[in-house]
Every structure is written in structure tokens, then in C-alpha cells.
PDB file of N, CA and C in Angstrom:
ATOM      1  N   MET A   1      -8.190   2.140 -17.513  1.00  0.00           N
ATOM      2  CA  MET A   1      -7.841   3.465 -17.934  1.00  0.00           C
ATOM      3  C   MET A   1      -8.932   4.540 -17.662  1.00  0.00           C
ATOM      4  N   PHE A   2     -10.122   4.136 -17.914  1.00  0.00           N
ATOM      5  CA  PHE A   2     -11.186   5.115 -17.579  1.00  0.00           C
ATOM      6  C   PHE A   2     -11.084   5.479 -15.932  1.00  0.00           C
ATOM      7  N   THR A   3     -11.043   4.518 -15.210  1.00  0.00           N
ATOM      8  CA  THR A   3     -10.775   4.910 -13.806  1.00  0.00           C
ATOM      9  C   THR A   3      -9.739   5.835 -13.439  1.00  0.00           C
ATOM     10  N   TYR A   4      -8.522   5.589 -14.058  1.00  0.00           N
ATOM     11  CA  TYR A   4      -7.563   6.591 -13.888  1.00  0.00           C
ATOM     12  C   TYR A   4      -7.959   8.002 -14.428  1.00  0.00           C
ATOM     13  N   PHE A   5      -8.655   8.009 -15.433  1.00  0.00           N
ATOM     14  CA  PHE A   5      -9.071   9.351 -15.948  1.00  0.00           C
ATOM     15  C   PHE A   5      -9.995   9.978 -14.934  1.00  0.00           C
ATOM     16  N   GLN A   6     -11.086   9.263 -14.455  1.00  0.00           N
ATOM     17  CA  GLN A   6     -12.039   9.688 -13.564  1.00  0.00           C
ATOM     18  C   GLN A   6     -11.277  10.347 -12.346  1.00  0.00           C
ATOM     19  N   THR A   7     -10.210   9.593 -11.737  1.00  0.00           N
ATOM     20  CA  THR A   7      -9.595   9.928 -10.719  1.00  0.00           C
ATOM     21  C   THR A   7      -8.785  11.059 -11.025  1.00  0.00           C
ATOM     22  N   SER A   8      -8.213  11.285 -12.050  1.00  0.00           N
ATOM     23  CA  SER A   8      -7.544  12.532 -12.306  1.00  0.00           C
ATOM     24  C   SER A   8      -8.522  13.807 -12.319  1.00  0.00           C
ATOM     25  N   ILE A   9      -9.657  13.547 -12.917  1.00  0.00           N
ATOM     26  CA  ILE A   9     -10.544  14.666 -13.001  1.00  0.00           C
ATOM     27  C   ILE A   9     -11.088  15.043 -11.342  1.00  0.00           C
ATOM     28  N   ASP A  10     -11.378  13.917 -10.619  1.00  0.00           N
ATOM     29  CA  ASP A  10     -11.570  14.247  -9.219  1.00  0.00           C
ATOM     30  C   ASP A  10     -10.657  15.035  -8.659  1.00  0.00           C
ATOM     31  N   SER A  11      -9.440  14.588  -8.763  1.00  0.00           N
ATOM     32  CA  SER A  11      -8.353  15.189  -8.114  1.00  0.00           C
ATOM     33  C   SER A  11      -8.204  16.764  -8.561  1.00  0.00           C
ATOM     34  N   MET A  12      -8.471  17.093  -9.862  1.00  0.00           N
ATOM     35  CA  MET A  12      -8.259  18.337 -10.341  1.00  0.00           C
ATOM     36  C   MET A  12      -9.470  19.263  -9.808  1.00  0.00           C
ATOM     37  N   GLU A  13     -10.699  18.776  -9.766  1.00  0.00           N
ATOM     38  CA  GLU A  13     -11.776  19.224  -9.240  1.00  0.00           C
ATOM     39  C   GLU A  13     -11.534  19.925  -7.560  1.00  0.00           C
ATOM     40  N   ARG A  14     -10.880  18.896  -7.014  1.00  0.00           N
ATOM     41  CA  ARG A  14     -10.595  19.145  -5.431  1.00  0.00           C
ATOM     42  C   ARG A  14      -9.604  20.213  -5.456  1.00  0.00           C
ATOM     43  N   ILE A  15      -8.626  20.275  -6.180  1.00  0.00           N
ATOM     44  CA  ILE A  15      -7.691  21.299  -6.237  1.00  0.00           C
ATOM     45  C   ILE A  15      -8.257  22.745  -6.612  1.00  0.00           C
ATOM     46  N   LEU A  16      -9.146  22.680  -7.673  1.00  0.00           N
ATOM     47  CA  LEU A  16      -9.851  23.741  -8.094  1.00  0.00           C
ATOM     48  C   LEU A  16     -10.643  24.403  -6.961  1.00  0.00           C
ATOM     49  N   ASN A  17     -11.245  23.588  -6.187  1.00  0.00           N
ATOM     50  CA  ASN A  17     -12.284  23.987  -5.067  1.00  0.00           C
ATOM     51  C   ASN A  17     -11.403  24.618  -4.013  1.00  0.00           C
ATOM     52  N   ASN A  18     -10.175  23.966  -3.723  1.00  0.00           N
ATOM     53  CA  ASN A  18      -9.367  24.495  -2.796  1.00  0.00           C
ATOM     54  C   ASN A  18      -8.601  25.743  -3.087  1.00  0.00           C
TER      55      ASN A  18
END
């Protein structure tokens, strides 16, 4: 579950950066 949460945050940051 923690890994999924971390991946979600990473994806969100990438979208915000773009």
C-alpha cells in the first residue's frame, strides 16, 4: 500500500512539473 501511495505522489509531481 505504501508503495502505491508513493507512486501516486510521484505521478502527481510529474504532472505538476509538466
